[in-house]
Structures are given as structure tokens and as C-alpha cells.
Amino acid sequence: MKSSATRPTAFVLTATNHGTMLVNRHDYVEKDSMGYGVGYQLLNTSAFDQEEVDLALNLLESRKVNYGAGVVAIDCGANVGVHTIEWAKFMHGWGQVVAFEAQERIFYALAGNITLNNCFNARAIWAAVGATSGEIGVPMPDYFVPSSFGSLELRKTANTEFIGQVIDYSALQSTRMVAIDELNVDRLDFMKIDIEGMELDALRGARKTLARHTPQLMIEKIKSDEAAITKFLTDLGYSLIPLGINVLALHRSDPLATKMQAQ
């Protein structure tokens, strides 16, 4: 019997505060003697951005209180699924989650983590989120080279972040791209958009859905045109609240927005 050849290992199974998860042990980049990356946080602290997760759970709870059970949340740029899993477990029996991830290998971990944690009210979709539905070329990093894979930008710009390795933008994997409006959802309560510079594209592809369902939004802004995002959302009746690298957007009709303004 021929012995198996040795193979390197990237993804490992680890216990975290969010549940048992598949995590890439190379998901980190060192800057100024500090480590960054989803995997870095999970493997070194057992949690990822807990304050942000807790805020999202509170927002989901507010939608249940104000609009009833049946809450629907969309996770754009789900990575390995910290938010997705936390939301799904929290909303067991009264809400559901749809998670999008554009990087194929990370999508596999996302789907695995949903399964490992028995989140039957969550589903994962291998796709990018954009202004239109169709296809997009996704770069293919080397997942054995230490890098912050969640920081990968699908489109190269003059200010593209160095994630820990040089990315070849001439070798792309054709991947599905989805405009949220094309989903024709019957309800949408909350959406997180963390897609490395394509946040405005995602909003433009969700214009009709935002106008119809007025969901709460948590948007990463550090790689996007914050002024353009602000104008887009205020034109739709949203008020924006800065949250560090993110912005929280609440529609003026949302009872939580009225409550926060009164405080």
C-alpha cells in the first residue's frame, strides 16, 4: 500500500466563544508587532469583534420587538461565519439568516461552520454582493501564506490594502454576483455589509429592497466613499450613526431610531 504524501494544513477545527469553528490558522497579518485577521482573533482570543456582534444581536432583538417574529438578516461578506452563527443561534425559532461569501475556500468553511453549529435557520451562498446580478472575477490568494484573507479586495484600486501577500489580479475565478433586489425577499430587517470597498455597490443593488423594507444596516466604511454612502442612504430616509470603522443606518420610520434620538 502506497503511503500518503505529506500535505500542509490550513483550516483547523477550534473551540471559540461563538461555537466550534473551522478557521484558517494562516489567517493573520502582522503590522507594527500586532496581529490582525479573523483567524488571528479567533485563535488568540476565542472571539471576533464581540462588541460588534453584541450590537448586531441587540438590533435583531429590536426588530423582533417592534415588527414581530420572522426576522430576516443578510450577512454580506460573512467570512467563516462569526456573525452568521451568532445571529442564527440567537434567533432560533424566530428569525433566519442568509450569508454571502465570495471567496470559495472561505465559503466552504462558512458552510461547514453553519452545519457544525446546527444553524438550520441559516444558509450560505457562494457569491459576491454587488450593484447588479451576474458574474465577477475573484482573486485567488494562497491560503497557506499568512494573510488577512477577510481584507481581500475583489477589485484592485490605487489604494488596495496589502493583506500579507501580493495578489495577482490577472488570475481571477469567475464567481456569481448577486444584487439584493434580485432576491425579492418578502421581509428584511437587518443587513451587515463588509465587502472591502464594494459597500456602495451593494447598497445600489439593494435600493428597492431598502425602500420597501427599511432594514437596519451596519456598513464598514473604511474602504468606501463615506460621503456617497451617506447621501445614498439619507435620500432613502435613513439616519446614520458613526461606529468606528462602521456606520449604523436606521430608517427614520424605525422605532429604534426615534428612541435613540430621544436619548
C-alpha atoms as a PDB file:
ATOM      1  CA  MET A   1       0.000   0.000   0.000  1.00  0.00           C
ATOM      2  CA  LYS A   2       1.418   3.353  -1.049  1.00  0.00           C
ATOM      3  CA  SER A   3       1.849   5.806   1.818  1.00  0.00           C
ATOM      4  CA  SER A   4       0.114   9.162   1.540  1.00  0.00           C
ATOM      5  CA  ALA A   5       2.211  12.159   0.600  1.00  0.00           C
ATOM      6  CA  THR A   6       2.578  14.843   3.233  1.00  0.00           C
ATOM      7  CA  ARG A   7       0.281  17.816   2.822  1.00  0.00           C
ATOM      8  CA  PRO A   8       0.215  21.212   4.515  1.00  0.00           C
ATOM      9  CA  THR A   9      -2.705  22.142   6.756  1.00  0.00           C
ATOM     10  CA  ALA A  10      -4.544  25.454   6.620  1.00  0.00           C
ATOM     11  CA  PHE A  11      -8.011  25.023   8.115  1.00  0.00           C
ATOM     12  CA  VAL A  12      -8.271  23.663  11.637  1.00  0.00           C
ATOM     13  CA  LEU A  13     -11.182  22.972  13.964  1.00  0.00           C
ATOM     14  CA  THR A  14     -11.194  25.072  17.118  1.00  0.00           C
ATOM     15  CA  ALA A  15     -13.470  25.874  20.037  1.00  0.00           C
ATOM     16  CA  THR A  16     -14.461  29.547  20.201  1.00  0.00           C
ATOM     17  CA  ASN A  17     -16.888  31.640  22.194  1.00  0.00           C
ATOM     18  CA  HIS A  18     -19.103  31.593  19.093  1.00  0.00           C
ATOM     19  CA  GLY A  19     -19.105  27.788  18.847  1.00  0.00           C
ATOM     20  CA  THR A  20     -16.891  25.140  17.271  1.00  0.00           C
ATOM     21  CA  MET A  21     -15.494  26.603  14.065  1.00  0.00           C
ATOM     22  CA  LEU A  22     -13.316  25.856  11.072  1.00  0.00           C
ATOM     23  CA  VAL A  23     -10.638  28.556  10.931  1.00  0.00           C
ATOM     24  CA  ASN A  24      -7.608  29.080   8.718  1.00  0.00           C
ATOM     25  CA  ARG A  25      -4.602  29.132  11.030  1.00  0.00           C
ATOM     26  CA  HIS A  26      -2.789  31.301   8.479  1.00  0.00           C
ATOM     27  CA  ASP A  27      -5.487  34.000   8.596  1.00  0.00           C
ATOM     28  CA  TYR A  28      -3.360  36.761  10.052  1.00  0.00           C
ATOM     29  CA  VAL A  29      -1.028  39.540   9.056  1.00  0.00           C
ATOM     30  CA  GLU A  30       1.451  41.270  11.328  1.00  0.00           C
ATOM     31  CA  LYS A  31       1.678  45.050  11.350  1.00  0.00           C
ATOM     32  CA  ASP A  32       3.677  47.053  13.871  1.00  0.00           C
ATOM     33  CA  SER A  33       4.192  43.923  16.001  1.00  0.00           C
ATOM     34  CA  MET A  34       0.431  43.351  16.111  1.00  0.00           C
ATOM     35  CA  GLY A  35      -1.581  40.553  14.544  1.00  0.00           C
ATOM     36  CA  TYR A  36      -4.759  41.148  12.537  1.00  0.00           C
ATOM     37  CA  GLY A  37      -7.339  38.922  10.881  1.00  0.00           C
ATOM     38  CA  VAL A  38     -10.462  36.961  11.704  1.00  0.00           C
ATOM     39  CA  GLY A  39      -8.475  33.784  12.270  1.00  0.00           C
ATOM     40  CA  TYR A  40      -5.953  35.623  14.414  1.00  0.00           C
ATOM     41  CA  GLN A  41      -8.655  36.879  16.747  1.00  0.00           C
ATOM     42  CA  LEU A  42     -10.445  33.533  16.963  1.00  0.00           C
ATOM     43  CA  LEU A  43      -7.287  31.539  17.642  1.00  0.00           C
ATOM     44  CA  ASN A  44      -5.785  34.027  20.079  1.00  0.00           C
ATOM     45  CA  THR A  45      -8.833  35.369  21.925  1.00  0.00           C
ATOM     46  CA  SER A  46     -11.563  32.796  21.131  1.00  0.00           C
ATOM     47  CA  ALA A  47     -13.775  35.595  19.792  1.00  0.00           C
ATOM     48  CA  PHE A  48     -14.059  38.041  16.908  1.00  0.00           C
ATOM     49  CA  ASP A  49     -15.220  41.641  17.351  1.00  0.00           C
ATOM     50  CA  GLN A  50     -17.518  40.734  20.233  1.00  0.00           C
ATOM     51  CA  GLU A  51     -18.805  44.285  20.730  1.00  0.00           C
ATOM     52  CA  GLU A  52     -19.903  44.423  17.091  1.00  0.00           C
ATOM     53  CA  VAL A  53     -21.576  41.017  17.406  1.00  0.00           C
ATOM     54  CA  ASP A  54     -23.395  42.089  20.573  1.00  0.00           C
ATOM     55  CA  LEU A  55     -24.643  45.259  18.883  1.00  0.00           C
ATOM     56  CA  ALA A  56     -25.997  43.229  15.969  1.00  0.00           C
ATOM     57  CA  LEU A  57     -27.845  40.921  18.354  1.00  0.00           C
ATOM     58  CA  ASN A  58     -29.410  43.894  20.120  1.00  0.00           C
ATOM     59  CA  LEU A  59     -30.527  45.310  16.776  1.00  0.00           C
ATOM     60  CA  LEU A  60     -32.085  41.996  15.767  1.00  0.00           C
ATOM     61  CA  GLU A  61     -33.899  41.863  19.102  1.00  0.00           C
ATOM     62  CA  SER A  62     -35.295  45.349  18.474  1.00  0.00           C
ATOM     63  CA  ARG A  63     -36.734  44.232  15.150  1.00  0.00           C
ATOM     64  CA  LYS A  64     -38.431  41.274  16.804  1.00  0.00           C
ATOM     65  CA  VAL A  65     -39.909  43.532  19.491  1.00  0.00           C
ATOM     66  CA  ASN A  66     -41.087  46.182  17.028  1.00  0.00           C
ATOM     67  CA  TYR A  67     -42.049  44.088  14.000  1.00  0.00           C
ATOM     68  CA  GLY A  68     -42.689  40.598  15.350  1.00  0.00           C
ATOM     69  CA  ALA A  69     -41.122  37.195  14.749  1.00  0.00           C
ATOM     70  CA  GLY A  70     -39.930  36.178  11.301  1.00  0.00           C
ATOM     71  CA  VAL A  71     -36.897  38.464  11.358  1.00  0.00           C
ATOM     72  CA  VAL A  72     -34.629  38.155   8.287  1.00  0.00           C
ATOM     73  CA  ALA A  73     -30.964  39.173   8.320  1.00  0.00           C
ATOM     74  CA  ILE A  74     -28.418  39.194   5.489  1.00  0.00           C
ATOM     75  CA  ASP A  75     -24.679  38.908   6.110  1.00  0.00           C
ATOM     76  CA  CYS A  76     -22.760  40.344   3.156  1.00  0.00           C
ATOM     77  CA  GLY A  77     -19.140  39.281   3.442  1.00  0.00           C
ATOM     78  CA  ALA A  78     -19.720  36.583   6.045  1.00  0.00           C
ATOM     79  CA  ASN A  79     -16.164  35.193   6.061  1.00  0.00           C
ATOM     80  CA  VAL A  80     -16.144  32.000   8.176  1.00  0.00           C
ATOM     81  CA  GLY A  81     -19.454  32.965   9.774  1.00  0.00           C
ATOM     82  CA  VAL A  82     -18.996  34.517  13.216  1.00  0.00           C
ATOM     83  CA  HIS A  83     -21.916  36.918  12.742  1.00  0.00           C
ATOM     84  CA  THR A  84     -23.975  34.375  10.826  1.00  0.00           C
ATOM     85  CA  ILE A  85     -23.675  31.753  13.551  1.00  0.00           C
ATOM     86  CA  GLU A  86     -24.275  34.193  16.394  1.00  0.00           C
ATOM     87  CA  TRP A  87     -27.365  35.633  14.702  1.00  0.00           C
ATOM     88  CA  ALA A  88     -28.769  32.219  13.809  1.00  0.00           C
ATOM     89  CA  LYS A  89     -28.335  30.784  17.302  1.00  0.00           C
ATOM     90  CA  PHE A  90     -29.795  33.923  18.862  1.00  0.00           C
ATOM     91  CA  MET A  91     -32.807  33.907  16.504  1.00  0.00           C
ATOM     92  CA  HIS A  92     -33.606  30.213  16.802  1.00  0.00           C
ATOM     93  CA  GLY A  93     -37.364  29.903  16.436  1.00  0.00           C
ATOM     94  CA  TRP A  94     -37.989  33.478  15.312  1.00  0.00           C
ATOM     95  CA  GLY A  95     -35.564  34.513  12.591  1.00  0.00           C
ATOM     96  CA  GLN A  96     -33.334  33.428   9.716  1.00  0.00           C
ATOM     97  CA  VAL A  97     -30.009  34.394   8.184  1.00  0.00           C
ATOM     98  CA  VAL A  98     -28.727  34.463   4.607  1.00  0.00           C
ATOM     99  CA  ALA A  99     -24.922  34.665   4.379  1.00  0.00           C
ATOM    100  CA  PHE A 100     -22.880  35.601   1.298  1.00  0.00           C
ATOM    101  CA  GLU A 101     -19.177  34.890   0.870  1.00  0.00           C
ATOM    102  CA  ALA A 102     -17.283  35.419  -2.392  1.00  0.00           C
ATOM    103  CA  GLN A 103     -14.062  33.502  -1.670  1.00  0.00           C
ATOM    104  CA  GLU A 104     -14.698  29.845  -2.480  1.00  0.00           C
ATOM    105  CA  ARG A 105     -12.398  28.306   0.141  1.00  0.00           C
ATOM    106  CA  ILE A 106     -13.697  30.568   2.882  1.00  0.00           C
ATOM    107  CA  PHE A 107     -17.256  29.830   1.756  1.00  0.00           C
ATOM    108  CA  TYR A 108     -16.603  26.138   2.388  1.00  0.00           C
ATOM    109  CA  ALA A 109     -15.603  26.963   5.974  1.00  0.00           C
ATOM    110  CA  LEU A 110     -18.685  29.177   6.354  1.00  0.00           C
ATOM    111  CA  ALA A 111     -20.981  26.367   5.221  1.00  0.00           C
ATOM    112  CA  GLY A 112     -19.168  23.920   7.482  1.00  0.00           C
ATOM    113  CA  ASN A 113     -19.497  26.201  10.480  1.00  0.00           C
ATOM    114  CA  ILE A 114     -23.220  26.628   9.890  1.00  0.00           C
ATOM    115  CA  THR A 115     -23.525  22.829   9.837  1.00  0.00           C
ATOM    116  CA  LEU A 116     -21.242  22.226  12.837  1.00  0.00           C
ATOM    117  CA  ASN A 117     -23.352  24.583  14.928  1.00  0.00           C
ATOM    118  CA  ASN A 118     -26.680  23.151  13.717  1.00  0.00           C
ATOM    119  CA  CYS A 119     -27.890  26.522  12.485  1.00  0.00           C
ATOM    120  CA  PHE A 120     -30.835  25.249  10.459  1.00  0.00           C
ATOM    121  CA  ASN A 121     -32.194  28.789  10.177  1.00  0.00           C
ATOM    122  CA  ALA A 122     -29.115  29.950   8.244  1.00  0.00           C
ATOM    123  CA  ARG A 123     -27.981  29.282   4.701  1.00  0.00           C
ATOM    124  CA  ALA A 124     -24.773  30.164   2.903  1.00  0.00           C
ATOM    125  CA  ILE A 125     -24.465  31.356  -0.683  1.00  0.00           C
ATOM    126  CA  TRP A 126     -21.191  31.359  -2.603  1.00  0.00           C
ATOM    127  CA  ALA A 127     -21.411  34.761  -4.284  1.00  0.00           C
ATOM    128  CA  ALA A 128     -20.294  38.349  -4.123  1.00  0.00           C
ATOM    129  CA  VAL A 129     -22.849  41.096  -3.491  1.00  0.00           C
ATOM    130  CA  GLY A 130     -22.897  43.984  -5.928  1.00  0.00           C
ATOM    131  CA  ALA A 131     -24.898  46.568  -7.842  1.00  0.00           C
ATOM    132  CA  THR A 132     -26.095  44.079 -10.456  1.00  0.00           C
ATOM    133  CA  SER A 133     -26.526  40.340 -10.737  1.00  0.00           C
ATOM    134  CA  GLY A 134     -24.125  38.441 -12.963  1.00  0.00           C
ATOM    135  CA  GLU A 135     -20.524  37.349 -12.523  1.00  0.00           C
ATOM    136  CA  ILE A 136     -17.362  38.847 -11.060  1.00  0.00           C
ATOM    137  CA  GLY A 137     -13.735  37.762 -11.089  1.00  0.00           C
ATOM    138  CA  VAL A 138     -12.474  36.935  -7.602  1.00  0.00           C
ATOM    139  CA  PRO A 139      -8.739  36.863  -6.837  1.00  0.00           C
ATOM    140  CA  MET A 140      -7.312  33.573  -5.554  1.00  0.00           C
ATOM    141  CA  PRO A 141      -4.838  34.109  -2.721  1.00  0.00           C
ATOM    142  CA  ASP A 142      -2.567  31.385  -1.396  1.00  0.00           C
ATOM    143  CA  TYR A 143      -4.344  30.249   1.763  1.00  0.00           C
ATOM    144  CA  PHE A 144      -1.108  28.787   3.145  1.00  0.00           C
ATOM    145  CA  VAL A 145       0.621  32.194   3.196  1.00  0.00           C
ATOM    146  CA  PRO A 146      -0.136  34.209   6.357  1.00  0.00           C
ATOM    147  CA  SER A 147      -2.555  36.937   5.282  1.00  0.00           C
ATOM    148  CA  SER A 148      -5.702  38.703   6.428  1.00  0.00           C
ATOM    149  CA  PHE A 149      -7.975  36.926   3.951  1.00  0.00           C
ATOM    150  CA  GLY A 150     -11.047  38.848   5.067  1.00  0.00           C
ATOM    151  CA  SER A 151      -9.299  42.020   3.866  1.00  0.00           C
ATOM    152  CA  LEU A 152      -9.039  40.761   0.280  1.00  0.00           C
ATOM    153  CA  GLU A 153     -10.456  43.297  -2.186  1.00  0.00           C
ATOM    154  CA  LEU A 154     -12.195  41.854  -5.223  1.00  0.00           C
ATOM    155  CA  ARG A 155     -11.334  44.918  -7.272  1.00  0.00           C
ATOM    156  CA  LYS A 156      -7.862  46.380  -7.365  1.00  0.00           C
ATOM    157  CA  THR A 157      -7.550  50.120  -6.766  1.00  0.00           C
ATOM    158  CA  ALA A 158      -4.706  52.574  -6.325  1.00  0.00           C
ATOM    159  CA  ASN A 159      -5.061  52.106  -2.558  1.00  0.00           C
ATOM    160  CA  THR A 160      -5.622  48.347  -2.402  1.00  0.00           C
ATOM    161  CA  GLU A 161      -4.620  47.032   1.016  1.00  0.00           C
ATOM    162  CA  PHE A 162      -1.655  44.688   1.339  1.00  0.00           C
ATOM    163  CA  ILE A 163      -3.145  41.670   3.099  1.00  0.00           C
ATOM    164  CA  GLY A 164       0.129  39.823   3.716  1.00  0.00           C
ATOM    165  CA  GLN A 165       0.854  38.616   0.186  1.00  0.00           C
ATOM    166  CA  VAL A 166       0.889  40.103  -3.301  1.00  0.00           C
ATOM    167  CA  ILE A 167      -2.398  39.346  -5.084  1.00  0.00           C
ATOM    168  CA  ASP A 168      -2.419  38.513  -8.779  1.00  0.00           C
ATOM    169  CA  TYR A 169      -5.405  40.379 -10.213  1.00  0.00           C
ATOM    170  CA  SER A 170      -4.786  38.880 -13.656  1.00  0.00           C
ATOM    171  CA  ALA A 171      -5.773  35.386 -12.462  1.00  0.00           C
ATOM    172  CA  LEU A 172      -9.384  35.538 -11.328  1.00  0.00           C
ATOM    173  CA  GLN A 173     -12.024  32.942 -10.544  1.00  0.00           C
ATOM    174  CA  SER A 174     -15.393  33.564 -12.166  1.00  0.00           C
ATOM    175  CA  THR A 175     -17.899  33.837  -9.334  1.00  0.00           C
ATOM    176  CA  ARG A 176     -21.583  34.643  -9.099  1.00  0.00           C
ATOM    177  CA  MET A 177     -22.501  38.212  -8.147  1.00  0.00           C
ATOM    178  CA  VAL A 178     -25.899  38.980  -6.640  1.00  0.00           C
ATOM    179  CA  ALA A 179     -27.861  42.213  -6.351  1.00  0.00           C
ATOM    180  CA  ILE A 180     -30.005  42.050  -3.214  1.00  0.00           C
ATOM    181  CA  ASP A 181     -33.007  43.393  -5.151  1.00  0.00           C
ATOM    182  CA  GLU A 182     -32.916  40.261  -7.311  1.00  0.00           C
ATOM    183  CA  LEU A 183     -33.703  38.132  -4.262  1.00  0.00           C
ATOM    184  CA  ASN A 184     -37.185  39.665  -3.994  1.00  0.00           C
ATOM    185  CA  VAL A 185     -37.309  38.979  -0.272  1.00  0.00           C
ATOM    186  CA  ASP A 186     -40.667  39.287   1.498  1.00  0.00           C
ATOM    187  CA  ARG A 187     -39.010  40.813   4.548  1.00  0.00           C
ATOM    188  CA  LEU A 188     -35.600  42.193   5.509  1.00  0.00           C
ATOM    189  CA  ASP A 189     -34.787  43.516   8.973  1.00  0.00           C
ATOM    190  CA  PHE A 190     -31.024  43.774   9.174  1.00  0.00           C
ATOM    191  CA  MET A 191     -28.063  43.697   6.836  1.00  0.00           C
ATOM    192  CA  LYS A 192     -24.343  43.787   7.545  1.00  0.00           C
ATOM    193  CA  ILE A 193     -22.202  44.900   4.610  1.00  0.00           C
ATOM    194  CA  ASP A 194     -18.475  44.279   4.992  1.00  0.00           C
ATOM    195  CA  ILE A 195     -17.161  43.658   1.490  1.00  0.00           C
ATOM    196  CA  GLU A 196     -13.890  45.559   1.244  1.00  0.00           C
ATOM    197  CA  GLY A 197     -14.741  48.625  -0.803  1.00  0.00           C
ATOM    198  CA  MET A 198     -17.853  47.353  -2.586  1.00  0.00           C
ATOM    199  CA  GLU A 199     -20.278  48.536   0.086  1.00  0.00           C
ATOM    200  CA  LEU A 200     -21.791  51.278  -2.090  1.00  0.00           C
ATOM    201  CA  ASP A 201     -22.241  48.775  -4.927  1.00  0.00           C
ATOM    202  CA  ALA A 202     -24.188  46.505  -2.586  1.00  0.00           C
ATOM    203  CA  LEU A 203     -26.404  49.382  -1.471  1.00  0.00           C
ATOM    204  CA  ARG A 204     -27.135  50.361  -5.058  1.00  0.00           C
ATOM    205  CA  GLY A 205     -28.105  46.782  -5.806  1.00  0.00           C
ATOM    206  CA  ALA A 206     -30.467  46.846  -2.835  1.00  0.00           C
ATOM    207  CA  ARG A 207     -32.176  50.207  -3.429  1.00  0.00           C
ATOM    208  CA  LYS A 208     -35.673  48.788  -3.988  1.00  0.00           C
ATOM    209  CA  THR A 209     -35.339  46.396  -1.052  1.00  0.00           C
ATOM    210  CA  LEU A 210     -34.191  49.191   1.265  1.00  0.00           C
ATOM    211  CA  ALA A 211     -37.072  51.411   0.213  1.00  0.00           C
ATOM    212  CA  ARG A 212     -39.603  48.607   0.673  1.00  0.00           C
ATOM    213  CA  HIS A 213     -38.421  47.007   3.918  1.00  0.00           C
ATOM    214  CA  THR A 214     -36.297  49.753   5.593  1.00  0.00           C
ATOM    215  CA  PRO A 215     -33.881  47.320   7.281  1.00  0.00           C
ATOM    216  CA  GLN A 216     -31.258  48.351   9.778  1.00  0.00           C
ATOM    217  CA  LEU A 217     -27.775  48.486   8.246  1.00  0.00           C
ATOM    218  CA  MET A 218     -24.275  48.021   9.630  1.00  0.00           C
ATOM    219  CA  ILE A 219     -21.779  49.084   6.961  1.00  0.00           C
ATOM    220  CA  GLU A 220     -17.988  49.067   7.029  1.00  0.00           C
ATOM    221  CA  LYS A 221     -16.842  52.398   5.650  1.00  0.00           C
ATOM    222  CA  ILE A 222     -13.041  52.462   5.734  1.00  0.00           C
ATOM    223  CA  LYS A 223     -12.560  51.448   2.085  1.00  0.00           C
ATOM    224  CA  SER A 224     -15.641  53.149   0.650  1.00  0.00           C
ATOM    225  CA  ASP A 225     -16.771  56.676  -0.161  1.00  0.00           C
ATOM    226  CA  GLU A 226     -18.453  57.589   3.118  1.00  0.00           C
ATOM    227  CA  ALA A 227     -19.959  60.775   1.691  1.00  0.00           C
ATOM    228  CA  ALA A 228     -21.542  58.841  -1.184  1.00  0.00           C
ATOM    229  CA  ILE A 229     -22.923  56.228   1.218  1.00  0.00           C
ATOM    230  CA  THR A 230     -24.329  58.963   3.438  1.00  0.00           C
ATOM    231  CA  LYS A 231     -26.075  60.705   0.549  1.00  0.00           C
ATOM    232  CA  PHE A 232     -27.436  57.448  -0.850  1.00  0.00           C
ATOM    233  CA  LEU A 233     -28.972  56.452   2.463  1.00  0.00           C
ATOM    234  CA  THR A 234     -30.236  59.858   3.582  1.00  0.00           C
ATOM    235  CA  ASP A 235     -32.047  60.140   0.252  1.00  0.00           C
ATOM    236  CA  LEU A 236     -33.845  56.927   1.242  1.00  0.00           C
ATOM    237  CA  GLY A 237     -34.846  58.310   4.630  1.00  0.00           C
ATOM    238  CA  TYR A 238     -32.046  56.905   6.771  1.00  0.00           C
ATOM    239  CA  SER A 239     -30.207  58.489   9.687  1.00  0.00           C
ATOM    240  CA  LEU A 240     -26.566  57.496  10.140  1.00  0.00           C
ATOM    241  CA  ILE A 241     -24.636  56.929  13.351  1.00  0.00           C
ATOM    242  CA  PRO A 242     -20.813  56.547  13.266  1.00  0.00           C
ATOM    243  CA  LEU A 243     -19.461  53.372  14.883  1.00  0.00           C
ATOM    244  CA  GLY A 244     -15.687  53.413  14.494  1.00  0.00           C
ATOM    245  CA  ILE A 245     -14.842  51.725  11.197  1.00  0.00           C
ATOM    246  CA  ASN A 246     -18.559  51.127  10.624  1.00  0.00           C
ATOM    247  CA  VAL A 247     -21.666  53.201  10.253  1.00  0.00           C
ATOM    248  CA  LEU A 248     -25.071  52.226  11.608  1.00  0.00           C
ATOM    249  CA  ALA A 249     -28.009  53.296   9.464  1.00  0.00           C
ATOM    250  CA  LEU A 250     -31.547  53.356  10.847  1.00  0.00           C
ATOM    251  CA  HIS A 251     -34.551  54.359   8.795  1.00  0.00           C
ATOM    252  CA  ARG A 252     -36.467  57.257  10.311  1.00  0.00           C
ATOM    253  CA  SER A 253     -39.571  55.060  10.481  1.00  0.00           C
ATOM    254  CA  ASP A 254     -37.808  52.520  12.693  1.00  0.00           C
ATOM    255  CA  PRO A 255     -38.985  52.886  16.321  1.00  0.00           C
ATOM    256  CA  LEU A 256     -35.387  52.355  17.445  1.00  0.00           C
ATOM    257  CA  ALA A 257     -34.303  55.480  15.543  1.00  0.00           C
ATOM    258  CA  THR A 258     -36.939  57.538  17.378  1.00  0.00           C
ATOM    259  CA  LYS A 259     -35.847  56.048  20.697  1.00  0.00           C
ATOM    260  CA  MET A 260     -32.162  56.805  20.066  1.00  0.00           C
ATOM    261  CA  GLN A 261     -32.920  60.387  19.027  1.00  0.00           C
ATOM    262  CA  ALA A 262     -34.841  60.913  22.262  1.00  0.00           C
ATOM    263  CA  GLN A 263     -31.880  59.839  24.376  1.00  0.00           C
END
